[in-house]
Protein backbone atom coordinates (compact mmCIF):
# COMPACT_ATOMS: atom_id res chain seq x y z
CA MET A 1 2.98 17.48 5.48
CA SER A 2 3.88 14.08 6.87
CA ALA A 3 5.61 11.58 4.59
CA LYS A 4 3.78 8.38 3.71
CA ALA A 5 5.10 4.91 2.92
CA LYS A 6 4.30 2.06 0.59
CA ILE A 7 5.43 -1.44 1.50
CA CYS A 8 5.68 -3.32 -1.78
CA GLY A 9 6.07 -6.95 -2.77
CA LEU A 10 4.00 -8.35 0.07
CA SER A 11 3.23 -12.03 -0.23
CA ASP A 12 2.08 -13.25 3.17
CA GLU A 13 -0.21 -12.22 6.01
CA ARG A 14 2.59 -11.54 8.50
CA GLY A 15 4.18 -8.94 6.27
CA LEU A 16 0.85 -7.39 5.39
CA ARG A 17 -0.19 -7.12 9.03
CA ALA A 18 3.12 -5.52 9.98
CA ALA A 19 2.69 -2.97 7.19
CA MET A 20 -0.87 -2.07 8.16
CA ASP A 21 -0.23 -2.03 11.91
CA GLY A 22 2.88 0.11 11.38
CA GLY A 23 1.02 2.80 9.50
CA ALA A 24 1.72 2.13 5.81
CA ALA A 25 -0.54 4.18 3.55
CA TYR A 26 -0.01 1.85 0.58
CA VAL A 27 0.58 -1.89 0.27
CA GLY A 28 1.83 -3.42 -2.97
CA PHE A 29 1.37 -6.83 -4.57
CA MET A 30 3.58 -8.04 -7.40
CA PHE A 31 2.04 -9.64 -10.51
CA PHE A 32 5.28 -9.83 -12.52
CA ARG A 33 6.08 -13.53 -12.82
CA HIS A 34 9.85 -13.06 -12.95
CA SER A 35 9.94 -11.36 -9.57
CA PRO A 36 10.74 -13.31 -6.37
CA ARG A 37 7.82 -11.37 -4.87
CA TYR A 38 5.27 -12.65 -7.39
CA VAL A 39 1.89 -13.60 -5.93
CA THR A 40 -0.61 -15.96 -7.52
CA LEU A 41 -4.17 -14.87 -8.07
CA GLU A 42 -5.21 -17.10 -5.17
CA GLN A 43 -2.70 -15.44 -2.86
CA ALA A 44 -3.67 -12.00 -4.09
CA SER A 45 -7.34 -12.70 -3.53
CA GLU A 46 -6.73 -13.66 0.10
CA LEU A 47 -4.31 -10.84 0.86
CA THR A 48 -6.18 -7.97 -0.76
CA ALA A 49 -9.33 -9.00 1.09
CA MET A 50 -7.43 -8.28 4.33
CA VAL A 51 -6.40 -4.75 3.40
CA GLU A 52 -7.99 -2.35 5.83
CA ARG A 53 -10.13 0.60 4.84
CA GLY A 54 -8.09 3.72 4.16
CA ILE A 55 -5.02 1.79 2.97
CA THR A 56 -4.45 1.72 -0.80
CA ALA A 57 -3.88 -1.73 -2.32
CA VAL A 58 -1.57 -1.41 -5.33
CA GLY A 59 -1.09 -4.03 -8.04
CA VAL A 60 2.33 -3.95 -9.70
CA PHE A 61 2.52 -4.97 -13.37
CA VAL A 62 5.16 -4.92 -16.09
CA ASN A 63 3.78 -4.36 -19.61
CA PRO A 64 0.51 -6.16 -18.79
CA THR A 65 -1.97 -7.25 -21.43
CA ASP A 66 -5.64 -6.36 -21.13
CA ALA A 67 -6.41 -10.00 -20.38
CA GLU A 68 -3.85 -10.10 -17.56
CA LEU A 69 -5.34 -7.03 -15.96
CA GLU A 70 -8.88 -8.33 -16.26
CA HIS A 71 -8.01 -11.76 -14.80
CA THR A 72 -6.20 -10.16 -11.91
CA LEU A 73 -8.99 -7.73 -11.07
CA ASN A 74 -11.51 -10.55 -11.16
CA ALA A 75 -9.54 -12.19 -8.33
CA ALA A 76 -7.97 -9.36 -6.34
CA ARG A 77 -9.40 -6.19 -4.84
CA LEU A 78 -7.05 -3.44 -5.95
CA ASP A 79 -7.30 0.34 -5.66
CA MET A 80 -4.43 1.36 -7.95
CA ILE A 81 -2.40 -0.06 -10.83
CA GLN A 82 1.38 0.46 -10.88
CA LEU A 83 2.98 0.15 -14.32
CA HIS A 84 6.65 -0.73 -14.07
CA GLY A 85 7.48 -1.49 -17.70
CA ALA A 86 7.83 0.44 -20.95
CA GLU A 87 4.23 1.62 -21.01
CA THR A 88 3.57 4.77 -23.03
CA PRO A 89 1.31 7.65 -21.91
CA GLU A 90 -1.31 6.26 -24.29
CA ARG A 91 -1.10 2.86 -22.63
CA VAL A 92 -1.57 4.52 -19.25
CA ASP A 93 -4.82 6.00 -20.55
CA GLN A 94 -5.91 2.59 -21.84
CA VAL A 95 -5.25 0.93 -18.50
CA ARG A 96 -7.16 3.64 -16.65
CA ALA A 97 -10.13 3.20 -18.99
CA LEU A 98 -10.04 -0.59 -18.83
CA THR A 99 -9.73 -0.93 -15.06
CA GLY A 100 -11.46 2.18 -13.80
CA LEU A 101 -8.63 2.55 -11.29
CA LYS A 102 -5.95 5.13 -10.67
CA VAL A 103 -2.68 4.39 -12.46
CA MET A 104 0.87 5.11 -11.31
CA LYS A 105 3.71 5.05 -13.84
CA VAL A 106 7.24 4.15 -12.75
CA LEU A 107 10.23 5.88 -14.32
CA GLY A 108 13.86 4.79 -13.99
CA VAL A 109 16.38 7.42 -12.95
CA SER A 110 20.14 7.66 -13.18
CA THR A 111 20.58 11.25 -14.43
CA ALA A 112 18.70 14.55 -14.33
CA ARG A 113 17.62 13.93 -17.92
CA ASP A 114 15.67 10.88 -16.77
CA VAL A 115 13.58 13.02 -14.43
CA LEU A 116 12.49 15.08 -17.44
CA GLU A 117 11.01 11.91 -18.97
CA ALA A 118 8.10 12.34 -16.57
CA ALA A 119 6.68 15.27 -18.53
CA PRO A 120 4.77 13.25 -21.17
CA TYR A 121 2.94 11.35 -18.42
CA GLU A 122 1.69 14.39 -16.52
CA ALA A 123 -1.64 14.54 -18.32
CA HIS A 124 -2.21 10.78 -18.24
CA ALA A 125 -1.08 9.18 -14.96
CA ASP A 126 -2.55 9.76 -11.50
CA ALA A 127 0.85 9.44 -9.81
CA LEU A 128 4.49 8.77 -10.66
CA MET A 129 7.25 6.73 -9.07
CA PHE A 130 10.91 7.48 -9.55
CA ASP A 131 13.01 4.35 -9.09
CA THR A 132 16.64 3.54 -9.78
CA LYS A 133 17.32 2.43 -13.34
CA PRO A 134 18.05 -1.31 -13.17
CA PRO A 135 21.73 -2.24 -13.32
CA LYS A 136 23.06 -3.82 -16.49
CA GLY A 137 22.04 -7.46 -16.69
CA ALA A 138 19.15 -7.11 -14.22
CA THR A 139 16.22 -9.46 -14.82
CA ARG A 140 13.56 -7.13 -13.41
CA PRO A 141 12.90 -3.40 -13.62
CA GLY A 142 12.80 -2.77 -9.88
CA GLY A 143 13.45 -4.28 -6.47
CA ASN A 144 17.19 -4.38 -7.09
CA ALA A 145 18.25 -2.71 -3.81
CA VAL A 146 20.11 0.11 -5.58
CA ALA A 147 19.66 3.83 -4.86
CA PHE A 148 20.14 6.79 -7.18
CA ASP A 149 21.19 10.38 -6.42
CA TRP A 150 18.15 11.60 -4.51
CA THR A 151 19.02 15.26 -5.05
CA LEU A 152 18.13 14.81 -8.73
CA MET A 153 14.48 14.93 -7.68
CA LYS A 154 14.87 18.61 -6.84
CA THR A 155 14.63 19.16 -10.61
CA TYR A 156 11.13 17.67 -10.82
CA THR A 157 8.62 20.46 -11.36
CA GLY A 158 5.53 18.42 -12.21
CA LYS A 159 2.26 18.55 -10.29
CA LEU A 160 1.53 14.83 -9.85
CA PRO A 161 2.00 13.06 -6.52
CA TRP A 162 5.24 11.07 -6.70
CA PHE A 163 6.90 8.20 -4.89
CA LEU A 164 10.63 7.73 -4.31
CA ALA A 165 11.97 4.17 -4.59
CA GLY A 166 15.25 2.32 -5.00
CA GLY A 167 17.55 0.98 -2.30
CA LEU A 168 15.66 2.46 0.63
CA THR A 169 16.08 1.03 4.14
CA ALA A 170 15.25 2.10 7.67
CA LYS A 171 18.78 3.50 7.95
CA ASN A 172 18.71 5.76 4.89
CA VAL A 173 15.06 6.65 4.34
CA GLY A 174 15.30 9.77 6.48
CA ASP A 175 18.19 11.07 4.40
CA ALA A 176 16.29 10.14 1.23
CA ILE A 177 13.22 12.12 2.25
CA ARG A 178 15.25 15.18 3.18
CA ALA A 179 17.48 15.06 0.08
CA SER A 180 14.72 14.45 -2.47
CA GLY A 181 11.84 16.38 -0.97
CA THR A 182 9.52 13.42 -1.49
CA GLN A 183 6.32 12.96 0.47
CA ILE A 184 5.91 9.25 -0.35
CA VAL A 185 8.52 6.49 -0.17
CA ASP A 186 8.37 2.94 -1.51
CA VAL A 187 10.32 -0.03 -0.16
CA SER A 188 10.53 -3.70 -1.07
CA SER A 189 13.95 -5.37 -0.83
CA GLY A 190 14.94 -3.04 2.02
CA VAL A 191 12.55 -4.80 4.40
CA GLU A 192 13.44 -8.38 3.49
CA THR A 193 15.65 -11.10 4.97
CA LYS A 194 16.15 -12.49 1.45
CA PRO A 195 14.52 -11.76 -1.92
CA GLY A 196 10.78 -12.26 -1.58
CA VAL A 197 10.76 -12.84 2.19
CA LYS A 198 9.50 -9.84 4.14
CA SER A 199 10.65 -9.22 7.71
CA PRO A 200 7.90 -7.83 9.96
CA ALA A 201 10.60 -6.35 12.21
CA LYS A 202 12.24 -4.55 9.27
CA ILE A 203 8.87 -3.30 8.05
CA ARG A 204 8.11 -1.83 11.48
CA ALA A 205 11.57 -0.25 11.68
CA PHE A 206 11.20 1.30 8.23
CA LEU A 207 7.82 2.80 9.02
CA LYS A 208 9.09 4.18 12.33
CA ALA A 209 12.00 5.80 10.49
CA VAL A 210 9.61 7.48 8.04
CA GLN A 211 7.41 8.71 10.88
CA ALA A 212 10.45 10.06 12.75
CA VAL A 213 11.24 12.37 9.82
CA SER A 214 7.64 13.49 9.62
CA SER A 215 7.32 14.34 13.30
């Protein structure tokens, strides 16, 4: 099976076009205000309207309220919700019921024990993402350009589709896929020139690197 890629934290048309033209299966838009990749509802409305058929538009949230989700979905056309905070399995169910969309839960990893934390979400989420636990003092739960030991994912025995994230770049994504066994990778900071500014050239290079492993 060929690996797929999600380009996350998109905030302008150039980056979005590069992701779609390069073969990304997922494109992500950040609704966490403390992130340098945050998009306004106006931006999100324009960008999600451009997402081509067959590509999954993902909205990234951190401990969102019902009102936040409703306001966002009134403006943006999303296919999946990504929860990147401290949401419980019960909250995942609530978000699925409220939005009618698939929900992906993100889990931070630094040890094998952290991978086991996925078990309670198996019956609730539609997909999981394993990302590096944020370093001490970090102001956001992801997008910190730090990788974890990818071989830890060999201990995951769940049945849900899962994404690998954290410190991925065009140079290391091949190693990450082989070491972890993942079929879906997620990148944000690894395709930027500075926080929040996507590089179309880096996006294309990343997607080519993923496809090279798959071929």
